Structures are given as C-alpha cells and as structure tokens.
Amino acid sequence: MEDKWKEVIDKYEEHVYFHKIRIKGRGTALHVAVSNANEDSVKRLVDAIVKHDDQSGFEIKTERGDTPLHLAAYRGFKSMCQCIIGKYGERKHLIQVNNAKGETPLFCAVLARHKKTFLYLHHFFPSDITIAINNVGATILHVAIHREMFGMVESQRL
C-alpha cells in the first residue's frame, strides 16, 4: 500500500487537479489518509496542497459533508488537525466549516469525546458560539453535558 501512497502523493505534487479527485464514498485521497490514520501521508498530501496554494483541496467534502479536518477531529487526531490547520493557524477558517448536519470540526471533536483535539481547535475561536451549534440547535455544551464530559464543560467557562 505504501507504493500506492507514494504514487498518490507524487500526483498531488504534480498538479492541483489531483487534489480534487473524489473516491466514491470516501472523499479525496486526503480524506482517505486521515480515515486510515496515515499521518505521514496526510502531512505529505497537505504539503503538496500548500505548495500549489490551492486551499480548495482542504475544503472538499465527503457525501456526509465532512472535510478532512472533520474526520481528523472526529477521530481525535490532534496532530493531523494541526497539520491541516497549519503551524501558525493559517487555515484556521476550516474550523468554521459545517458538515451536512451543521457540525464543525470542533463539534465533531466533542461528539467523539476528544478533549485534547477539542481544546486545540477551540483556542482559535474561543468566543465564537456559531462554530459550536449544529443544525438542530444543539451546542457543544449540550453534547458535553449529555455525554457527561464535565472536563470539557469546565473549559468552556468564559
């Protein structure tokens, strides 16, 4: 499989066209690398997208409306979230992107009980409540309380 990833990464480095190719039901190669917990490939794919200065490669959504950042947040892959967002938060706007259910990556981290990932994402927008509400009006506070995640509730105090 590693040979295949090398080939995919080479294509990503070659042309932006490859950043947008969707694999049926799975999203792009970046989505697949995140889903497969392939941190090295995620880093190299992100580097290739950044090299071409094409932010749209980070914004492509799966059929459920998830970006690669949604998937990384939901799985609790903080280091992948950091890689996708950028060392200096240069792509922090991705934290504000909603999936089909109106959930942001921040919301996904809470849903999946990943406190460290949540805290990392939250520090970019500590007072923006709009990134913490889904389509049915549930907030991350509702989710945290419902799932008895009181440590996250404490971190939400302003």
N, C-alpha and C. Protein backbone atom coordinates (compact mmCIF):
# COMPACT_ATOMS: atom_id res chain seq x y z
N MET A 1 0.82 -1.20 0.00
CA MET A 1 0.00 0.00 0.00
C MET A 1 0.86 1.26 0.00
N GLU A 2 2.03 1.19 0.64
CA GLU A 2 2.91 2.35 0.70
C GLU A 2 3.31 2.83 -0.70
N ASP A 3 3.50 1.89 -1.63
CA ASP A 3 3.81 2.26 -3.00
C ASP A 3 2.68 3.08 -3.62
N LYS A 4 1.45 2.69 -3.31
CA LYS A 4 0.29 3.42 -3.83
C LYS A 4 0.25 4.83 -3.26
N TRP A 5 0.55 4.98 -1.97
CA TRP A 5 0.55 6.31 -1.36
C TRP A 5 1.62 7.19 -1.99
N LYS A 6 2.77 6.61 -2.28
CA LYS A 6 3.82 7.39 -2.93
C LYS A 6 3.34 7.89 -4.29
N GLU A 7 2.66 7.04 -5.01
CA GLU A 7 2.13 7.42 -6.32
C GLU A 7 1.09 8.53 -6.19
N VAL A 8 0.21 8.40 -5.22
CA VAL A 8 -0.82 9.42 -4.99
C VAL A 8 -0.17 10.75 -4.60
N ILE A 9 0.79 10.69 -3.71
CA ILE A 9 1.47 11.91 -3.27
C ILE A 9 2.21 12.56 -4.44
N ASP A 10 2.84 11.75 -5.25
CA ASP A 10 3.51 12.29 -6.45
C ASP A 10 2.52 13.03 -7.34
N LYS A 11 1.34 12.46 -7.51
CA LYS A 11 0.30 13.10 -8.33
C LYS A 11 -0.16 14.41 -7.69
N TYR A 12 -0.34 14.40 -6.37
CA TYR A 12 -0.73 15.62 -5.65
C TYR A 12 0.32 16.71 -5.85
N GLU A 13 1.58 16.32 -5.83
CA GLU A 13 2.66 17.29 -6.01
C GLU A 13 2.73 17.80 -7.45
N GLU A 14 2.29 16.96 -8.36
CA GLU A 14 2.36 17.27 -9.79
C GLU A 14 1.37 18.35 -10.22
N HIS A 15 0.11 18.24 -9.77
CA HIS A 15 -0.92 19.16 -10.28
C HIS A 15 -2.10 19.25 -9.32
N VAL A 16 -2.70 20.44 -9.22
CA VAL A 16 -3.85 20.65 -8.32
C VAL A 16 -5.07 19.82 -8.72
N TYR A 17 -5.14 19.46 -9.95
CA TYR A 17 -6.27 18.64 -10.42
C TYR A 17 -6.46 17.41 -9.54
N PHE A 18 -5.36 16.81 -9.12
CA PHE A 18 -5.42 15.57 -8.35
C PHE A 18 -5.93 15.80 -6.92
N HIS A 19 -5.86 17.02 -6.43
CA HIS A 19 -6.35 17.32 -5.08
C HIS A 19 -7.86 17.19 -5.01
N LYS A 20 -8.51 17.28 -6.15
CA LYS A 20 -9.97 17.34 -6.19
C LYS A 20 -10.63 16.04 -6.62
N ILE A 21 -9.85 15.05 -6.94
CA ILE A 21 -10.41 13.77 -7.37
C ILE A 21 -11.03 13.07 -6.16
N ARG A 22 -12.29 12.69 -6.33
CA ARG A 22 -13.02 12.03 -5.24
C ARG A 22 -13.06 10.52 -5.47
N ILE A 23 -12.90 9.82 -4.39
CA ILE A 23 -13.02 8.37 -4.40
C ILE A 23 -14.43 8.07 -3.90
N LYS A 24 -15.19 7.36 -4.67
CA LYS A 24 -16.61 7.15 -4.36
C LYS A 24 -16.84 6.78 -2.89
N GLY A 25 -17.62 7.61 -2.23
CA GLY A 25 -17.99 7.35 -0.85
C GLY A 25 -16.92 7.65 0.18
N ARG A 26 -15.74 8.08 -0.24
CA ARG A 26 -14.65 8.27 0.71
C ARG A 26 -14.06 9.67 0.71
N GLY A 27 -14.38 10.47 -0.28
CA GLY A 27 -13.78 11.80 -0.38
C GLY A 27 -12.51 11.75 -1.22
N THR A 28 -11.59 12.63 -0.92
CA THR A 28 -10.33 12.70 -1.66
C THR A 28 -9.29 11.78 -1.02
N ALA A 29 -8.12 11.76 -1.63
CA ALA A 29 -7.02 10.97 -1.04
C ALA A 29 -6.68 11.49 0.36
N LEU A 30 -6.81 12.79 0.56
CA LEU A 30 -6.54 13.35 1.90
C LEU A 30 -7.56 12.82 2.91
N HIS A 31 -8.82 12.75 2.54
CA HIS A 31 -9.84 12.15 3.41
C HIS A 31 -9.46 10.71 3.77
N VAL A 32 -9.06 9.96 2.76
CA VAL A 32 -8.73 8.54 2.96
C VAL A 32 -7.51 8.41 3.88
N ALA A 33 -6.50 9.23 3.66
CA ALA A 33 -5.30 9.17 4.51
C ALA A 33 -5.66 9.47 5.97
N VAL A 34 -6.52 10.47 6.19
CA VAL A 34 -6.95 10.78 7.55
C VAL A 34 -7.72 9.60 8.12
N SER A 35 -8.68 9.09 7.37
CA SER A 35 -9.50 7.97 7.84
C SER A 35 -8.67 6.74 8.17
N ASN A 36 -7.60 6.54 7.41
CA ASN A 36 -6.72 5.39 7.63
C ASN A 36 -5.64 5.65 8.68
N ALA A 37 -5.70 6.82 9.31
CA ALA A 37 -4.72 7.20 10.33
C ALA A 37 -3.29 7.18 9.79
N ASN A 38 -3.15 7.54 8.53
CA ASN A 38 -1.85 7.54 7.88
C ASN A 38 -1.24 8.94 7.98
N GLU A 39 -0.65 9.21 9.12
CA GLU A 39 -0.16 10.56 9.44
C GLU A 39 0.90 11.05 8.46
N ASP A 40 1.81 10.19 8.07
CA ASP A 40 2.85 10.60 7.14
C ASP A 40 2.26 11.02 5.79
N SER A 41 1.32 10.24 5.29
CA SER A 41 0.68 10.60 4.02
C SER A 41 -0.14 11.88 4.15
N VAL A 42 -0.81 12.06 5.28
CA VAL A 42 -1.56 13.30 5.49
C VAL A 42 -0.61 14.49 5.40
N LYS A 43 0.51 14.40 6.09
CA LYS A 43 1.47 15.51 6.07
C LYS A 43 1.96 15.79 4.66
N ARG A 44 2.29 14.76 3.94
CA ARG A 44 2.81 14.94 2.59
C ARG A 44 1.74 15.46 1.62
N LEU A 45 0.51 15.00 1.78
CA LEU A 45 -0.59 15.50 0.94
C LEU A 45 -0.88 16.96 1.26
N VAL A 46 -0.88 17.30 2.54
CA VAL A 46 -1.09 18.70 2.94
C VAL A 46 0.02 19.57 2.37
N ASP A 47 1.25 19.12 2.47
CA ASP A 47 2.38 19.88 1.92
C ASP A 47 2.21 20.11 0.42
N ALA A 48 1.72 19.09 -0.28
CA ALA A 48 1.52 19.22 -1.73
C ALA A 48 0.42 20.24 -2.04
N ILE A 49 -0.64 20.22 -1.27
CA ILE A 49 -1.74 21.17 -1.48
C ILE A 49 -1.24 22.59 -1.20
N VAL A 50 -0.50 22.75 -0.12
CA VAL A 50 0.04 24.07 0.24
C VAL A 50 1.01 24.57 -0.83
N LYS A 51 1.81 23.66 -1.35
CA LYS A 51 2.78 24.02 -2.40
C LYS A 51 2.09 24.66 -3.60
N HIS A 52 0.90 24.17 -3.92
CA HIS A 52 0.16 24.71 -5.07
C HIS A 52 -0.73 25.88 -4.69
N ASP A 53 -0.72 26.24 -3.42
CA ASP A 53 -1.52 27.37 -2.93
C ASP A 53 -2.98 27.24 -3.36
N ASP A 54 -3.53 26.05 -3.16
CA ASP A 54 -4.91 25.78 -3.55
C ASP A 54 -5.70 25.31 -2.33
N GLN A 55 -6.28 26.26 -1.61
CA GLN A 55 -7.00 25.95 -0.38
C GLN A 55 -8.21 25.04 -0.60
N SER A 56 -8.72 25.02 -1.81
CA SER A 56 -9.92 24.21 -2.06
C SER A 56 -9.68 22.72 -1.79
N GLY A 57 -8.44 22.30 -1.86
CA GLY A 57 -8.12 20.91 -1.55
C GLY A 57 -8.45 20.53 -0.12
N PHE A 58 -8.51 21.51 0.77
CA PHE A 58 -8.85 21.27 2.17
C PHE A 58 -10.35 21.36 2.42
N GLU A 59 -11.06 21.96 1.49
CA GLU A 59 -12.49 22.25 1.70
C GLU A 59 -13.43 21.26 1.03
N ILE A 60 -12.89 20.33 0.27
CA ILE A 60 -13.72 19.33 -0.39
C ILE A 60 -14.37 18.45 0.67
N LYS A 61 -15.64 18.15 0.45
CA LYS A 61 -16.41 17.40 1.44
C LYS A 61 -16.78 16.01 0.93
N THR A 62 -16.96 15.11 1.88
CA THR A 62 -17.46 13.77 1.57
C THR A 62 -18.97 13.87 1.32
N GLU A 63 -19.58 12.75 1.04
CA GLU A 63 -21.03 12.73 0.85
C GLU A 63 -21.78 13.19 2.10
N ARG A 64 -21.17 13.00 3.26
CA ARG A 64 -21.77 13.45 4.53
C ARG A 64 -21.43 14.92 4.82
N GLY A 65 -20.64 15.50 3.95
CA GLY A 65 -20.29 16.90 4.13
C GLY A 65 -19.06 17.14 4.99
N ASP A 66 -18.30 16.09 5.24
CA ASP A 66 -17.12 16.23 6.09
C ASP A 66 -15.88 16.60 5.28
N THR A 67 -15.13 17.55 5.80
CA THR A 67 -13.82 17.87 5.25
C THR A 67 -12.79 16.94 5.91
N PRO A 68 -11.57 16.92 5.42
CA PRO A 68 -10.55 16.13 6.11
C PRO A 68 -10.39 16.55 7.58
N LEU A 69 -10.56 17.84 7.86
CA LEU A 69 -10.45 18.30 9.25
C LEU A 69 -11.57 17.73 10.12
N HIS A 70 -12.78 17.63 9.59
CA HIS A 70 -13.87 16.99 10.34
C HIS A 70 -13.48 15.57 10.73
N LEU A 71 -12.95 14.83 9.76
CA LEU A 71 -12.58 13.44 10.02
C LEU A 71 -11.48 13.34 11.07
N ALA A 72 -10.47 14.20 10.95
CA ALA A 72 -9.37 14.18 11.91
C ALA A 72 -9.87 14.54 13.31
N ALA A 73 -10.75 15.52 13.40
CA ALA A 73 -11.28 15.93 14.70
C ALA A 73 -12.13 14.83 15.31
N TYR A 74 -12.96 14.21 14.49
CA TYR A 74 -13.83 13.15 14.99
C TYR A 74 -13.04 11.94 15.49
N ARG A 75 -11.92 11.69 14.86
CA ARG A 75 -11.08 10.56 15.27
C ARG A 75 -10.12 10.94 16.40
N GLY A 76 -10.05 12.23 16.71
CA GLY A 76 -9.16 12.67 17.79
C GLY A 76 -7.71 12.76 17.37
N PHE A 77 -7.48 12.94 16.09
CA PHE A 77 -6.11 13.05 15.58
C PHE A 77 -5.64 14.50 15.66
N LYS A 78 -5.27 14.90 16.85
CA LYS A 78 -4.86 16.29 17.07
C LYS A 78 -3.71 16.70 16.16
N SER A 79 -2.72 15.84 16.02
CA SER A 79 -1.57 16.20 15.19
C SER A 79 -1.97 16.37 13.72
N MET A 80 -2.93 15.59 13.25
CA MET A 80 -3.41 15.78 11.88
C MET A 80 -4.19 17.09 11.77
N CYS A 81 -4.96 17.41 12.80
CA CYS A 81 -5.66 18.70 12.81
C CYS A 81 -4.65 19.83 12.72
N GLN A 82 -3.58 19.73 13.50
CA GLN A 82 -2.54 20.75 13.48
C GLN A 82 -1.92 20.87 12.09
N CYS A 83 -1.68 19.74 11.47
CA CYS A 83 -1.08 19.73 10.13
C CYS A 83 -2.02 20.40 9.12
N ILE A 84 -3.29 20.05 9.17
CA ILE A 84 -4.26 20.60 8.22
C ILE A 84 -4.45 22.10 8.45
N ILE A 85 -4.54 22.51 9.70
CA ILE A 85 -4.76 23.92 10.01
C ILE A 85 -3.51 24.76 9.74
N GLY A 86 -2.36 24.17 9.92
CA GLY A 86 -1.11 24.87 9.67
C GLY A 86 -0.43 25.28 10.97
N LYS A 87 0.87 25.35 10.91
CA LYS A 87 1.69 25.64 12.09
C LYS A 87 1.28 26.94 12.78
N TYR A 88 0.91 27.93 11.98
CA TYR A 88 0.55 29.24 12.52
C TYR A 88 -0.95 29.53 12.41
N GLY A 89 -1.73 28.47 12.21
CA GLY A 89 -3.18 28.65 12.11
C GLY A 89 -3.61 29.28 10.80
N GLU A 90 -2.78 29.15 9.79
CA GLU A 90 -3.08 29.82 8.52
C GLU A 90 -4.34 29.29 7.82
N ARG A 91 -4.80 28.12 8.22
CA ARG A 91 -6.05 27.59 7.65
C ARG A 91 -7.10 27.36 8.74
N LYS A 92 -7.05 28.19 9.75
CA LYS A 92 -7.99 28.04 10.87
C LYS A 92 -9.44 28.24 10.45
N HIS A 93 -9.66 28.89 9.33
CA HIS A 93 -11.03 29.08 8.84
C HIS A 93 -11.73 27.73 8.61
N LEU A 94 -10.96 26.68 8.42
CA LEU A 94 -11.55 25.35 8.20
C LEU A 94 -12.32 24.86 9.43
N ILE A 95 -12.00 25.40 10.59
CA ILE A 95 -12.70 25.02 11.82
C ILE A 95 -14.15 25.50 11.77
N GLN A 96 -14.42 26.50 10.97
CA GLN A 96 -15.76 27.08 10.87
C GLN A 96 -16.64 26.42 9.81
N VAL A 97 -16.10 25.46 9.09
CA VAL A 97 -16.85 24.80 8.02
C VAL A 97 -17.81 23.77 8.61
N ASN A 98 -19.06 23.82 8.18
CA ASN A 98 -20.08 22.88 8.65
C ASN A 98 -20.19 21.68 7.73
N ASN A 99 -20.50 20.53 8.32
CA ASN A 99 -20.83 19.36 7.50
C ASN A 99 -22.35 19.38 7.26
N ALA A 100 -22.89 18.31 6.71
CA ALA A 100 -24.31 18.26 6.36
C ALA A 100 -25.22 18.38 7.59
N LYS A 101 -24.72 18.02 8.75
CA LYS A 101 -25.51 18.12 9.98
C LYS A 101 -25.30 19.46 10.69
N GLY A 102 -24.51 20.32 10.07
CA GLY A 102 -24.24 21.62 10.68
C GLY A 102 -23.15 21.56 11.73
N GLU A 103 -22.39 20.49 11.75
CA GLU A 103 -21.34 20.31 12.74
C GLU A 103 -20.01 20.80 12.19
N THR A 104 -19.30 21.54 13.00
CA THR A 104 -17.95 21.96 12.66
C THR A 104 -16.97 20.89 13.16
N PRO A 105 -15.72 20.96 12.75
CA PRO A 105 -14.74 20.02 13.31
C PRO A 105 -14.67 20.10 14.84
N LEU A 106 -14.82 21.30 15.38
CA LEU A 106 -14.85 21.47 16.84
C LEU A 106 -15.99 20.64 17.44
N PHE A 107 -17.15 20.73 16.85
CA PHE A 107 -18.32 19.98 17.30
C PHE A 107 -18.04 18.47 17.21
N CYS A 108 -17.41 18.06 16.12
CA CYS A 108 -17.08 16.63 15.93
C CYS A 108 -16.15 16.12 17.03
N ALA A 109 -15.20 16.94 17.42
CA ALA A 109 -14.27 16.53 18.49
C ALA A 109 -15.02 16.30 19.79
N VAL A 110 -16.00 17.15 20.08
CA VAL A 110 -16.79 16.97 21.30
C VAL A 110 -17.68 15.73 21.18
N LEU A 111 -18.32 15.57 20.04
CA LEU A 111 -19.18 14.39 19.84
C LEU A 111 -18.42 13.09 20.10
N ALA A 112 -17.18 13.06 19.68
CA ALA A 112 -16.39 11.84 19.80
C ALA A 112 -15.55 11.80 21.08
N ARG A 113 -15.75 12.79 21.95
CA ARG A 113 -15.09 12.83 23.26
C ARG A 113 -13.57 12.96 23.19
N HIS A 114 -13.11 13.79 22.31
CA HIS A 114 -11.66 14.00 22.19
C HIS A 114 -11.29 15.37 22.74
N LYS A 115 -11.05 15.40 24.03
CA LYS A 115 -10.82 16.66 24.73
C LYS A 115 -9.60 17.42 24.22
N LYS A 116 -8.48 16.74 24.02
CA LYS A 116 -7.27 17.44 23.57
C LYS A 116 -7.47 18.05 22.18
N THR A 117 -8.13 17.32 21.32
CA THR A 117 -8.40 17.84 19.98
C THR A 117 -9.36 19.02 20.07
N PHE A 118 -10.39 18.88 20.89
CA PHE A 118 -11.34 19.98 21.10
C PHE A 118 -10.62 21.23 21.60
N LEU A 119 -9.79 21.08 22.62
CA LEU A 119 -9.11 22.24 23.19
C LEU A 119 -8.19 22.90 22.17
N TYR A 120 -7.53 22.10 21.36
CA TYR A 120 -6.68 22.67 20.31
C TYR A 120 -7.52 23.49 19.33
N LEU A 121 -8.60 22.92 18.84
CA LEU A 121 -9.44 23.63 17.87
C LEU A 121 -10.11 24.85 18.50
N HIS A 122 -10.54 24.70 19.73
CA HIS A 122 -11.26 25.77 20.42
C HIS A 122 -10.40 27.01 20.62
N HIS A 123 -9.11 26.84 20.81
CA HIS A 123 -8.28 28.01 21.12
C HIS A 123 -8.22 29.02 19.96
N PHE A 124 -8.58 28.60 18.76
CA PHE A 124 -8.58 29.54 17.63
C PHE A 124 -9.79 30.48 17.65
N PHE A 125 -10.90 30.00 18.19
CA PHE A 125 -12.14 30.78 18.22
C PHE A 125 -12.81 30.63 19.59
N PRO A 126 -12.17 31.11 20.64
CA PRO A 126 -12.69 30.85 21.99
C PRO A 126 -14.05 31.47 22.29
N SER A 127 -14.45 32.48 21.58
CA SER A 127 -15.74 33.11 21.91
C SER A 127 -16.73 33.08 20.76
N ASP A 128 -16.45 32.31 19.72
CA ASP A 128 -17.35 32.23 18.57
C ASP A 128 -18.34 31.09 18.78
N ILE A 129 -19.51 31.41 19.24
CA ILE A 129 -20.53 30.40 19.53
C ILE A 129 -21.08 29.76 18.26
N THR A 130 -20.97 30.43 17.13
CA THR A 130 -21.56 29.89 15.89
C THR A 130 -20.89 28.59 15.45
N ILE A 131 -19.66 28.37 15.86
CA ILE A 131 -19.00 27.12 15.47
C ILE A 131 -19.32 25.98 16.43
N ALA A 132 -20.17 26.28 17.41
CA ALA A 132 -20.47 25.30 18.44
C ALA A 132 -21.94 24.89 18.46
N ILE A 133 -22.67 25.16 17.37
CA ILE A 133 -24.09 24.82 17.30
C ILE A 133 -24.34 24.04 16.01
N ASN A 134 -25.09 22.93 16.10
CA ASN A 134 -25.38 22.17 14.89
C ASN A 134 -26.74 22.56 14.31
N ASN A 135 -27.19 21.85 13.29
CA ASN A 135 -28.44 22.18 12.59
C ASN A 135 -29.69 22.08 13.45
N VAL A 136 -29.66 21.27 14.49
CA VAL A 136 -30.85 21.11 15.33
C VAL A 136 -30.79 21.99 16.58
N GLY A 137 -29.79 22.85 16.65
CA GLY A 137 -29.69 23.79 17.76
C GLY A 137 -28.93 23.27 18.97
N ALA A 138 -28.39 22.08 18.88
CA ALA A 138 -27.59 21.56 19.99
C ALA A 138 -26.23 22.25 19.98
N THR A 139 -25.76 22.60 21.16
CA THR A 139 -24.44 23.21 21.27
C THR A 139 -23.44 22.18 21.79
N ILE A 140 -22.18 22.53 21.72
CA ILE A 140 -21.17 21.62 22.26
C ILE A 140 -21.36 21.45 23.76
N LEU A 141 -21.90 22.46 24.41
CA LEU A 141 -22.18 22.36 25.84
C LEU A 141 -23.26 21.30 26.09
N HIS A 142 -24.32 21.30 25.27
CA HIS A 142 -25.35 20.26 25.39
C HIS A 142 -24.74 18.87 25.24
N VAL A 143 -23.92 18.72 24.22
CA VAL A 143 -23.31 17.42 23.93
C VAL A 143 -22.40 16.99 25.07
N ALA A 144 -21.58 17.92 25.55
CA ALA A 144 -20.65 17.59 26.63
C ALA A 144 -21.39 17.17 27.90
N ILE A 145 -22.45 17.88 28.22
CA ILE A 145 -23.23 17.52 29.42
C ILE A 145 -23.93 16.18 29.20
N HIS A 146 -24.54 16.02 28.05
CA HIS A 146 -25.25 14.77 27.74
C HIS A 146 -24.30 13.56 27.83
N ARG A 147 -23.10 13.75 27.41
CA ARG A 147 -22.13 12.64 27.42
C ARG A 147 -21.29 12.63 28.70
N GLU A 148 -21.70 13.45 29.65
CA GLU A 148 -21.02 13.53 30.95
C GLU A 148 -19.53 13.83 30.81
N MET A 149 -19.25 14.78 29.96
CA MET A 149 -17.86 15.20 29.71
C MET A 149 -17.62 16.51 30.45
N PHE A 150 -17.67 16.45 31.75
CA PHE A 150 -17.64 17.67 32.55
C PHE A 150 -16.31 18.41 32.46
N GLY A 151 -15.25 17.75 32.11
CA GLY A 151 -13.97 18.43 31.90
C GLY A 151 -14.05 19.41 30.75
N MET A 152 -14.81 19.06 29.72
CA MET A 152 -14.99 19.98 28.60
C MET A 152 -15.90 21.13 28.98
N VAL A 153 -16.87 20.85 29.83
CA VAL A 153 -17.78 21.91 30.28
C VAL A 153 -16.97 22.96 31.04
N GLU A 154 -16.06 22.53 31.89
CA GLU A 154 -15.22 23.46 32.64
C GLU A 154 -14.39 24.34 31.71
N SER A 155 -13.88 23.76 30.63
CA SER A 155 -13.02 24.53 29.72
C SER A 155 -13.81 25.56 28.92
N GLN A 156 -15.14 25.47 28.94
CA GLN A 156 -15.98 26.40 28.19
C GLN A 156 -16.32 27.66 28.96
N ARG A 157 -15.98 27.71 30.22
CA ARG A 157 -16.28 28.92 31.00
C ARG A 157 -15.52 30.09 30.43
N LEU A 158 -16.20 31.18 30.27
CA LEU A 158 -15.57 32.38 29.69
C LEU A 158 -14.99 33.27 30.75
